[in-house]
Amino acid sequence: MNTHLLPSTSWLKAPAHKAWRLAEAQRLLAFAKAAKRPDGFGNLDAKGQLAAGARAETMNTARMTHCFALAHLQGIPGCLAYAEHGVAALRGAMQDASYGGWFAHPDGQQDSGKAAYLHAFVALAASSAVVAGAASARGLLADATEVIERHFWSEAEGALQEAYSRAWQLPEPYRGANSNMHATEAFLALADVTGNTLWLQRALRIAERIIHTHAAGSGYRVIEHFDVHWQPVADYNHDHPADHFRPFGTTPGHALEWARLLLHLEASLQRAGLPAPQWLAESASGLFEAACQHVWNVDGAEGFVYTLDWANRPVVNARLHWVHAEACAAAAALLQRTGEARYEQWYRTLWGFIANHFIDPVAGSWHHELDSNNRPAGTIWPGKPDLYHAYQALLLPGLPLAPSLASNLGSNVTK
């Protein structure tokens, strides 16, 4: 970690804080192991159990594979087997043997379509599994990159196309910032694992379109929904405002996530000897500041609400754990990049809020959702299915901004 800009009192330099983060990360890992099923990983309930009839899901399997690969790279015994279980599942019934790509559930149950969002996580999982030395990971990586390049990446648009039917027909007339944000994260990892800087150039093109063009022109509010010509669709899902992946209005958690990713992209370009535009760091700061200004305490209680309308009024007041995890990681990245005291204060405030409200010391893991009074809830995200956001937030503050997380751990932790 580059610490020359950090004050001596920064939590990022404090041994006790690092010990707390790593202990909490191991607590999350221990909880998540119960999600393992014969055909992948399923979703855990609030007590850490698989519900009767729970099925494996490809998204969760990819995220778990990524996280357990990271854990192995940290040097935590027993985690490689979980990563390899995930790789095997992703190369099994979750993968479409006839047309290529991945279903949302094994064998295409319920939905046989192909979504860019999901494929970004498969690529991320494959990248991390390769770094961890997981069996069959290179085959998974080859399959994932081939599908992304053949079906999802649009050279003309400089971004991913969103979704298709099973046989790669019926393209969805929609473009989404969420899937492209996670593609940016995956592309940073692909650049490190393959050694091909084309993935960095693609990540930059995505960021140019979604952040430098659209978000910067909208007061650093991330516009999430577009038509096929990349024109904003402001009323998208107005009647379904709490959608898991495509909610109405703005999703400030994504602004916070983008803030971090832009700094990773800047550092990765510099590390590769490529030009890194000044707007990357400027936009990272702008996104973080706009989210904190418009969202924190907006309804009179601590925390970030899930969504806002276009007048910056709360639409869905629930506080989601992933938003606060990403806020923490973004504050840490900005603190490392700038050394500015305001980011140190936000970093401490956010971990304090997480410790007091989200961390569940009784049943384990973190509550995934709080209501407007910061009490545990489950109207949007019931149970505790997710490891990815919280686990990364606990690891990232101790590492340089580049290379990407798995490659970072492989070079900085295990040697």
Protein backbone atom coordinates (compact mmCIF):
# COMPACT_ATOMS: atom_id res chain seq x y z
CA MET A 1 0.00 0.00 0.00
CA ASN A 2 1.26 3.47 -0.90
CA THR A 3 1.23 5.28 2.44
CA HIS A 4 3.27 8.39 1.72
CA LEU A 5 0.16 10.59 1.57
CA LEU A 6 -1.43 9.16 4.71
CA PRO A 7 -1.09 10.83 8.10
CA SER A 8 0.53 8.74 10.81
CA THR A 9 -2.81 8.56 12.63
CA SER A 10 -4.73 7.07 9.70
CA TRP A 11 -6.68 3.91 10.39
CA LEU A 12 -5.17 2.52 7.20
CA LYS A 13 -1.85 2.45 9.05
CA ALA A 14 -3.22 1.18 12.37
CA PRO A 15 -2.28 -2.46 13.15
CA ALA A 16 -5.37 -2.90 15.33
CA HIS A 17 -7.67 -1.76 12.53
CA LYS A 18 -6.04 -4.15 10.07
CA ALA A 19 -6.39 -6.99 12.56
CA TRP A 20 -10.07 -6.14 13.04
CA ARG A 21 -10.72 -6.10 9.30
CA LEU A 22 -9.04 -9.42 8.67
CA ALA A 23 -10.78 -11.06 11.63
CA GLU A 24 -14.15 -9.82 10.40
CA ALA A 25 -13.35 -11.11 6.91
CA GLN A 26 -12.66 -14.58 8.29
CA ARG A 27 -15.91 -14.47 10.26
CA LEU A 28 -17.77 -13.75 7.01
CA LEU A 29 -16.00 -16.60 5.23
CA ALA A 30 -16.92 -19.08 7.94
CA PHE A 31 -20.58 -18.05 7.66
CA ALA A 32 -20.61 -18.27 3.87
CA LYS A 33 -19.36 -21.85 3.69
CA ALA A 34 -22.85 -23.10 4.52
CA ALA A 35 -24.02 -21.83 1.11
CA LYS A 36 -22.26 -24.72 -0.64
CA ARG A 37 -24.52 -27.12 -2.53
CA PRO A 38 -23.63 -30.05 -4.79
CA ASP A 39 -24.32 -27.92 -7.87
CA GLY A 40 -22.78 -24.63 -6.72
CA PHE A 41 -23.67 -22.10 -4.03
CA GLY A 42 -27.15 -21.07 -2.89
CA ASN A 43 -28.56 -18.20 -0.86
CA LEU A 44 -28.40 -18.30 2.93
CA ASP A 45 -31.18 -17.09 5.19
CA ALA A 46 -30.72 -14.70 8.11
CA LYS A 47 -29.50 -17.53 10.34
CA GLY A 48 -26.96 -18.80 7.83
CA GLN A 49 -28.91 -21.79 6.59
CA LEU A 50 -30.01 -22.90 3.15
CA ALA A 51 -33.77 -22.85 2.97
CA ALA A 52 -35.57 -26.07 2.14
CA GLY A 53 -35.50 -26.46 -1.62
CA ALA A 54 -32.81 -23.81 -2.06
CA ARG A 55 -31.16 -23.92 -5.46
CA ALA A 56 -27.73 -22.97 -6.62
CA GLU A 57 -27.53 -19.65 -8.43
CA THR A 58 -24.90 -18.75 -10.98
CA MET A 59 -24.38 -15.20 -9.72
CA ASN A 60 -23.83 -16.29 -6.16
CA THR A 61 -21.65 -19.19 -7.30
CA ALA A 62 -19.44 -16.83 -9.29
CA ARG A 63 -19.17 -14.37 -6.40
CA MET A 64 -18.39 -17.14 -3.91
CA THR A 65 -15.76 -18.59 -6.25
CA HIS A 66 -14.13 -15.17 -6.47
CA CYS A 67 -14.18 -14.67 -2.70
CA PHE A 68 -12.86 -18.10 -1.77
CA ALA A 69 -10.09 -17.68 -4.34
CA LEU A 70 -9.18 -14.41 -2.62
CA ALA A 71 -9.23 -16.17 0.75
CA HIS A 72 -6.84 -18.83 -0.53
CA LEU A 73 -4.53 -16.10 -1.80
CA GLN A 74 -4.60 -14.57 1.67
CA GLY A 75 -3.31 -17.87 3.00
CA ILE A 76 -6.49 -19.10 4.70
CA PRO A 77 -6.44 -22.92 4.67
CA GLY A 78 -9.32 -24.88 3.19
CA CYS A 79 -10.63 -22.15 0.89
CA LEU A 80 -9.12 -23.42 -2.35
CA ALA A 81 -11.49 -26.39 -2.29
CA TYR A 82 -14.47 -24.03 -2.15
CA ALA A 83 -13.10 -22.00 -5.07
CA GLU A 84 -12.57 -25.18 -7.08
CA HIS A 85 -16.10 -26.33 -6.23
CA GLY A 86 -17.35 -23.06 -7.70
CA VAL A 87 -15.24 -23.45 -10.84
CA ALA A 88 -16.59 -26.97 -11.36
CA ALA A 89 -20.17 -25.72 -10.96
CA LEU A 90 -19.60 -22.89 -13.42
CA ARG A 91 -18.23 -25.39 -15.91
CA GLY A 92 -21.11 -27.79 -15.25
CA ALA A 93 -24.87 -27.38 -15.54
CA MET A 94 -24.68 -23.58 -15.18
CA GLN A 95 -22.88 -23.38 -18.51
CA ASP A 96 -24.91 -23.81 -21.70
CA ALA A 97 -23.30 -26.75 -23.51
CA SER A 98 -25.35 -26.11 -26.65
CA TYR A 99 -25.03 -22.38 -27.25
CA GLY A 100 -22.32 -21.23 -24.86
CA GLY A 101 -22.53 -18.72 -22.06
CA TRP A 102 -24.14 -19.10 -18.66
CA PHE A 103 -27.65 -19.52 -17.35
CA ALA A 104 -28.85 -17.79 -14.18
CA HIS A 105 -29.56 -21.25 -12.67
CA PRO A 106 -28.33 -24.75 -13.50
CA ASP A 107 -29.79 -26.10 -16.75
CA GLY A 108 -31.49 -22.80 -17.46
CA GLN A 109 -34.32 -23.41 -15.01
CA GLN A 110 -36.90 -20.58 -15.05
CA ASP A 111 -34.80 -18.38 -17.33
CA SER A 112 -32.55 -19.54 -20.16
CA GLY A 113 -31.52 -16.03 -21.27
CA LYS A 114 -27.98 -14.69 -21.24
CA ALA A 115 -27.23 -11.50 -19.25
CA ALA A 116 -24.11 -9.33 -19.41
CA TYR A 117 -24.23 -8.69 -15.65
CA LEU A 118 -23.93 -12.39 -14.90
CA HIS A 119 -21.15 -12.96 -17.42
CA ALA A 120 -19.09 -10.16 -15.89
CA PHE A 121 -19.10 -12.05 -12.60
CA VAL A 122 -18.19 -15.33 -14.27
CA ALA A 123 -15.18 -13.58 -15.82
CA LEU A 124 -14.22 -12.09 -12.46
CA ALA A 125 -14.52 -15.49 -10.76
CA ALA A 126 -12.44 -17.14 -13.46
CA SER A 127 -9.73 -14.48 -13.20
CA SER A 128 -9.42 -14.83 -9.44
CA ALA A 129 -9.51 -18.62 -9.64
CA VAL A 130 -6.65 -18.59 -12.15
CA VAL A 131 -4.51 -16.46 -9.83
CA ALA A 132 -5.34 -18.83 -6.96
CA GLY A 133 -4.29 -21.86 -9.04
CA ALA A 134 -7.72 -23.50 -8.95
CA ALA A 135 -8.16 -26.60 -11.08
CA SER A 136 -9.85 -25.99 -14.46
CA ALA A 137 -9.85 -22.23 -13.90
CA ARG A 138 -7.99 -21.46 -17.12
CA GLY A 139 -10.62 -23.29 -19.14
CA LEU A 140 -13.33 -21.28 -17.43
CA LEU A 141 -11.40 -18.07 -18.14
CA ALA A 142 -11.04 -18.94 -21.81
CA ASP A 143 -14.74 -19.69 -22.15
CA ALA A 144 -15.76 -16.50 -20.33
CA THR A 145 -13.55 -14.17 -22.36
CA GLU A 146 -14.63 -15.81 -25.62
CA VAL A 147 -18.32 -15.30 -24.85
CA ILE A 148 -17.82 -11.69 -23.75
CA GLU A 149 -15.87 -10.82 -26.88
CA ARG A 150 -18.17 -12.67 -29.27
CA HIS A 151 -21.56 -11.70 -27.89
CA PHE A 152 -21.46 -8.86 -25.37
CA TRP A 153 -18.67 -6.42 -26.18
CA SER A 154 -19.62 -3.81 -28.77
CA GLU A 155 -16.60 -2.14 -30.28
CA ALA A 156 -18.84 0.46 -31.89
CA GLU A 157 -20.46 1.40 -28.59
CA GLY A 158 -17.45 0.93 -26.34
CA ALA A 159 -19.59 -0.97 -23.85
CA LEU A 160 -21.47 -4.21 -23.28
CA GLN A 161 -24.77 -5.04 -24.84
CA GLU A 162 -27.18 -6.16 -22.17
CA ALA A 163 -28.93 -9.48 -22.76
CA TYR A 164 -30.02 -12.10 -25.29
CA SER A 165 -32.20 -15.15 -25.55
CA ARG A 166 -30.57 -18.53 -25.04
CA ALA A 167 -29.40 -18.90 -28.66
CA TRP A 168 -28.00 -15.35 -28.76
CA GLN A 169 -31.02 -13.95 -30.50
CA LEU A 170 -33.59 -11.32 -29.46
CA PRO A 171 -31.14 -8.72 -28.07
CA GLU A 172 -32.74 -6.70 -25.30
CA PRO A 173 -33.43 -3.09 -26.39
CA TYR A 174 -31.75 -1.72 -23.27
CA ARG A 175 -28.30 -0.64 -22.15
CA GLY A 176 -27.41 -0.65 -18.45
CA ALA A 177 -24.80 1.06 -16.33
CA ASN A 178 -24.85 -1.69 -13.70
CA SER A 179 -23.69 -4.51 -15.97
CA ASN A 180 -21.05 -2.26 -17.50
CA MET A 181 -19.80 -1.21 -14.07
CA HIS A 182 -19.19 -4.83 -13.14
CA ALA A 183 -17.65 -5.42 -16.54
CA THR A 184 -15.19 -2.64 -15.70
CA GLU A 185 -14.21 -4.48 -12.53
CA ALA A 186 -13.88 -7.75 -14.42
CA PHE A 187 -11.86 -6.15 -17.22
CA LEU A 188 -9.31 -4.81 -14.72
CA ALA A 189 -8.84 -8.37 -13.47
CA LEU A 190 -8.69 -9.79 -17.01
CA ALA A 191 -5.96 -7.32 -17.92
CA ASP A 192 -3.84 -8.52 -15.01
CA VAL A 193 -4.42 -12.23 -15.58
CA THR A 194 -4.02 -12.22 -19.37
CA GLY A 195 -1.40 -9.49 -19.62
CA ASN A 196 -3.49 -7.91 -22.39
CA THR A 197 -3.95 -4.17 -21.87
CA LEU A 198 -6.82 -4.18 -24.37
CA TRP A 199 -9.04 -4.97 -21.38
CA LEU A 200 -7.87 -1.74 -19.70
CA GLN A 201 -8.69 0.23 -22.83
CA ARG A 202 -12.15 -1.32 -22.87
CA ALA A 203 -12.68 -0.48 -19.21
CA LEU A 204 -11.70 3.11 -19.95
CA ARG A 205 -14.16 3.30 -22.85
CA ILE A 206 -16.98 2.12 -20.59
CA ALA A 207 -16.06 4.68 -17.95
CA GLU A 208 -15.82 7.42 -20.56
CA ARG A 209 -19.36 6.77 -21.71
CA ILE A 210 -21.13 6.18 -18.40
CA ILE A 211 -19.19 8.49 -16.09
CA HIS A 212 -17.28 11.10 -18.10
CA THR A 213 -20.14 11.73 -20.52
CA HIS A 214 -23.37 10.98 -18.67
CA ALA A 215 -22.70 11.15 -14.91
CA ALA A 216 -20.41 14.19 -15.06
CA GLY A 217 -23.06 15.97 -17.07
CA SER A 218 -25.71 15.12 -14.47
CA GLY A 219 -24.06 16.46 -11.34
CA TYR A 220 -22.17 13.19 -10.81
CA ARG A 221 -25.36 11.21 -10.49
CA VAL A 222 -24.95 7.90 -12.28
CA ILE A 223 -27.63 7.43 -14.94
CA GLU A 224 -28.47 3.74 -14.85
CA HIS A 225 -30.88 3.05 -17.72
CA PHE A 226 -30.51 3.75 -21.43
CA ASP A 227 -32.06 2.79 -24.74
CA VAL A 228 -30.01 1.14 -27.50
CA HIS A 229 -28.76 4.56 -28.63
CA TRP A 230 -27.48 5.35 -25.13
CA GLN A 231 -30.17 7.91 -24.50
CA PRO A 232 -31.25 8.00 -20.82
CA VAL A 233 -34.61 6.46 -19.94
CA ALA A 234 -35.46 8.53 -16.86
CA ASP A 235 -38.70 6.76 -15.92
CA TYR A 236 -37.39 3.21 -16.28
CA ASN A 237 -38.98 0.92 -13.64
CA HIS A 238 -40.96 3.80 -12.18
CA ASP A 239 -43.57 1.23 -11.18
CA HIS A 240 -40.95 -1.15 -9.71
CA PRO A 241 -38.73 1.25 -7.77
CA ALA A 242 -37.09 -1.35 -5.50
CA ASP A 243 -35.89 -3.72 -8.23
CA HIS A 244 -32.75 -5.63 -7.18
CA PHE A 245 -30.66 -4.69 -10.20
CA ARG A 246 -32.56 -2.03 -12.15
CA PRO A 247 -34.33 0.25 -9.66
CA PHE A 248 -35.99 3.50 -10.69
CA GLY A 249 -34.04 6.73 -10.41
CA THR A 250 -30.46 6.91 -9.19
CA THR A 251 -28.68 4.30 -7.11
CA PRO A 252 -26.11 6.19 -5.03
CA GLY A 253 -24.36 2.97 -4.05
CA HIS A 254 -23.26 2.64 -7.65
CA ALA A 255 -21.79 6.13 -7.61
CA LEU A 256 -19.71 5.07 -4.61
CA GLU A 257 -18.70 1.83 -6.33
CA TRP A 258 -17.74 3.69 -9.50
CA ALA A 259 -15.63 6.13 -7.46
CA ARG A 260 -13.42 3.27 -6.32
CA LEU A 261 -13.29 1.58 -9.72
CA LEU A 262 -12.16 4.79 -11.42
CA LEU A 263 -9.19 5.00 -9.07
CA HIS A 264 -8.33 1.35 -9.70
CA LEU A 265 -8.54 2.05 -13.42
CA GLU A 266 -6.32 5.11 -13.13
CA ALA A 267 -3.72 3.17 -11.14
CA SER A 268 -3.89 0.20 -13.51
CA LEU A 269 -3.35 2.39 -16.58
CA GLN A 270 -0.39 4.06 -14.91
CA ARG A 271 1.04 0.71 -13.88
CA ALA A 272 0.79 -0.47 -17.50
CA GLY A 273 2.52 2.67 -18.78
CA LEU A 274 -0.65 3.92 -20.47
CA PRO A 275 -2.12 7.44 -20.32
CA ALA A 276 -4.54 7.91 -17.41
CA PRO A 277 -6.91 10.83 -18.01
CA GLN A 278 -7.12 13.42 -15.24
CA TRP A 279 -10.90 13.13 -15.19
CA LEU A 280 -10.68 9.65 -13.61
CA ALA A 281 -9.57 11.03 -10.25
CA GLU A 282 -11.73 14.13 -10.59
CA SER A 283 -14.81 12.02 -11.28
CA ALA A 284 -14.03 9.65 -8.42
CA SER A 285 -14.07 12.59 -6.01
CA GLY A 286 -17.16 14.09 -7.64
CA LEU A 287 -19.15 10.87 -7.43
CA PHE A 288 -18.26 10.32 -3.79
CA GLU A 289 -19.01 13.89 -2.78
CA ALA A 290 -22.35 13.95 -4.62
CA ALA A 291 -23.47 10.70 -3.01
CA CYS A 292 -22.53 11.86 0.48
CA GLN A 293 -24.15 15.27 -0.03
CA HIS A 294 -27.44 14.01 -1.42
CA VAL A 295 -27.89 10.69 0.36
CA TRP A 296 -26.30 10.45 3.79
CA ASN A 297 -28.87 11.33 6.46
CA VAL A 298 -31.24 12.51 3.71
CA ASP A 299 -34.32 11.26 5.58
CA GLY A 300 -33.15 12.26 9.04
CA ALA A 301 -31.46 9.01 10.00
CA GLU A 302 -27.87 7.90 9.51
CA GLY A 303 -26.99 5.84 6.48
CA PHE A 304 -27.34 5.87 2.70
CA VAL A 305 -30.82 5.23 1.30
CA TYR A 306 -31.10 2.81 -1.63
CA THR A 307 -32.46 5.14 -4.31
CA LEU A 308 -33.33 8.75 -5.11
CA ASP A 309 -35.58 10.32 -7.72
CA TRP A 310 -34.30 12.94 -10.15
CA ALA A 311 -34.97 15.71 -7.61
CA ASN A 312 -32.65 13.89 -5.15
CA ARG A 313 -35.57 12.84 -2.95
CA PRO A 314 -35.55 9.36 -1.37
CA VAL A 315 -37.61 6.75 -3.19
CA VAL A 316 -36.58 3.57 -1.40
CA ASN A 317 -35.42 4.46 2.11
CA ALA A 318 -33.98 1.07 2.99
CA ARG A 319 -30.28 0.94 3.81
CA LEU A 320 -28.53 -1.93 2.01
CA HIS A 321 -25.32 -3.46 3.28
CA TRP A 322 -23.60 -3.44 -0.10
CA VAL A 323 -23.99 0.32 -0.45
CA HIS A 324 -22.18 0.94 2.81
CA ALA A 325 -19.49 -1.62 2.03
CA GLU A 326 -18.79 0.14 -1.26
CA ALA A 327 -18.81 3.52 0.46
CA CYS A 328 -16.14 2.30 2.87
CA ALA A 329 -13.98 0.92 0.09
CA ALA A 330 -14.37 4.14 -1.91
CA ALA A 331 -13.41 6.30 1.07
CA ALA A 332 -10.31 4.16 1.58
CA ALA A 333 -9.34 4.43 -2.08
CA LEU A 334 -9.78 8.21 -2.11
CA LEU A 335 -7.84 8.47 1.13
CA GLN A 336 -4.95 6.50 -0.38
CA ARG A 337 -5.09 8.57 -3.57
CA THR A 338 -5.27 12.00 -1.93
CA GLY A 339 -4.37 11.75 1.76
CA GLU A 340 -7.19 14.22 2.47
CA ALA A 341 -8.59 14.25 6.00
CA ARG A 342 -12.23 14.31 4.87
CA TYR A 343 -11.88 10.80 3.45
CA GLU A 344 -10.32 9.57 6.69
CA GLN A 345 -13.32 10.93 8.56
CA TRP A 346 -15.77 9.29 6.18
CA TYR A 347 -13.85 6.02 6.40
CA ARG A 348 -14.13 5.98 10.19
CA THR A 349 -17.76 7.12 10.18
CA LEU A 350 -18.77 4.42 7.72
CA TRP A 351 -17.07 1.58 9.57
CA GLY A 352 -18.66 2.83 12.77
CA PHE A 353 -22.09 2.75 11.15
CA ILE A 354 -21.49 -0.74 9.76
CA ALA A 355 -20.24 -2.04 13.11
CA ASN A 356 -23.19 -0.57 15.00
CA HIS A 357 -25.96 -1.50 12.57
CA PHE A 358 -25.05 -4.06 9.90
CA ILE A 359 -22.71 -6.50 11.63
CA ASP A 360 -24.72 -9.27 13.29
CA PRO A 361 -22.64 -10.65 16.19
CA VAL A 362 -25.37 -13.11 17.19
CA ALA A 363 -26.49 -14.91 14.02
CA GLY A 364 -23.38 -14.08 12.01
CA SER A 365 -22.46 -12.17 8.85
CA TRP A 366 -24.07 -8.77 8.17
CA HIS A 367 -27.71 -7.81 7.97
CA HIS A 368 -28.27 -7.19 4.28
CA GLU A 369 -30.96 -4.56 4.76
CA LEU A 370 -32.06 -2.02 7.35
CA ASP A 371 -35.31 -0.08 7.38
CA SER A 372 -35.54 3.72 7.58
CA ASN A 373 -35.00 3.50 11.35
CA ASN A 374 -31.88 1.34 10.89
CA ARG A 375 -33.53 -1.83 12.14
CA PRO A 376 -32.93 -5.17 10.38
CA ALA A 377 -35.38 -5.74 7.53
CA GLY A 378 -35.80 -8.00 4.51
CA THR A 379 -38.18 -6.44 2.02
CA ILE A 380 -35.60 -6.08 -0.77
CA TRP A 381 -32.81 -8.49 0.22
CA PRO A 382 -34.11 -11.17 2.60
CA GLY A 383 -31.54 -13.35 4.26
CA LYS A 384 -27.76 -13.04 3.98
CA PRO A 385 -26.82 -14.41 0.56
CA ASP A 386 -23.97 -12.07 -0.34
CA LEU A 387 -20.30 -12.33 0.64
CA TYR A 388 -18.75 -10.35 -2.21
CA HIS A 389 -19.34 -6.70 -1.26
CA ALA A 390 -18.55 -6.92 2.44
CA TYR A 391 -15.58 -9.23 1.99
CA GLN A 392 -13.95 -6.99 -0.59
CA ALA A 393 -14.53 -3.92 1.58
CA LEU A 394 -12.60 -5.63 4.37
CA LEU A 395 -9.65 -6.52 2.11
CA LEU A 396 -9.24 -3.53 -0.19
CA PRO A 397 -8.17 -0.88 2.36
CA GLY A 398 -4.94 -2.73 3.02
CA LEU A 399 -3.81 -3.00 -0.59
CA PRO A 400 -2.48 -0.75 -3.38
CA LEU A 401 -4.98 0.55 -5.93
CA ALA A 402 -3.40 -1.65 -8.61
CA PRO A 403 -3.17 -4.41 -9.66
CA SER A 404 -6.69 -5.84 -9.25
CA LEU A 405 -7.66 -7.58 -6.04
CA ALA A 406 -6.67 -11.21 -6.71
CA SER A 407 -3.40 -10.26 -8.40
CA ASN A 408 -2.75 -7.81 -5.56
CA LEU A 409 -3.18 -10.52 -2.95
CA GLY A 410 -1.09 -12.94 -4.95
CA SER A 411 1.85 -10.54 -5.05
CA ASN A 412 1.53 -8.79 -1.70
CA VAL A 413 0.10 -11.25 0.81
CA THR A 414 1.26 -14.74 0.04
CA LYS A 415 4.93 -13.94 -0.53
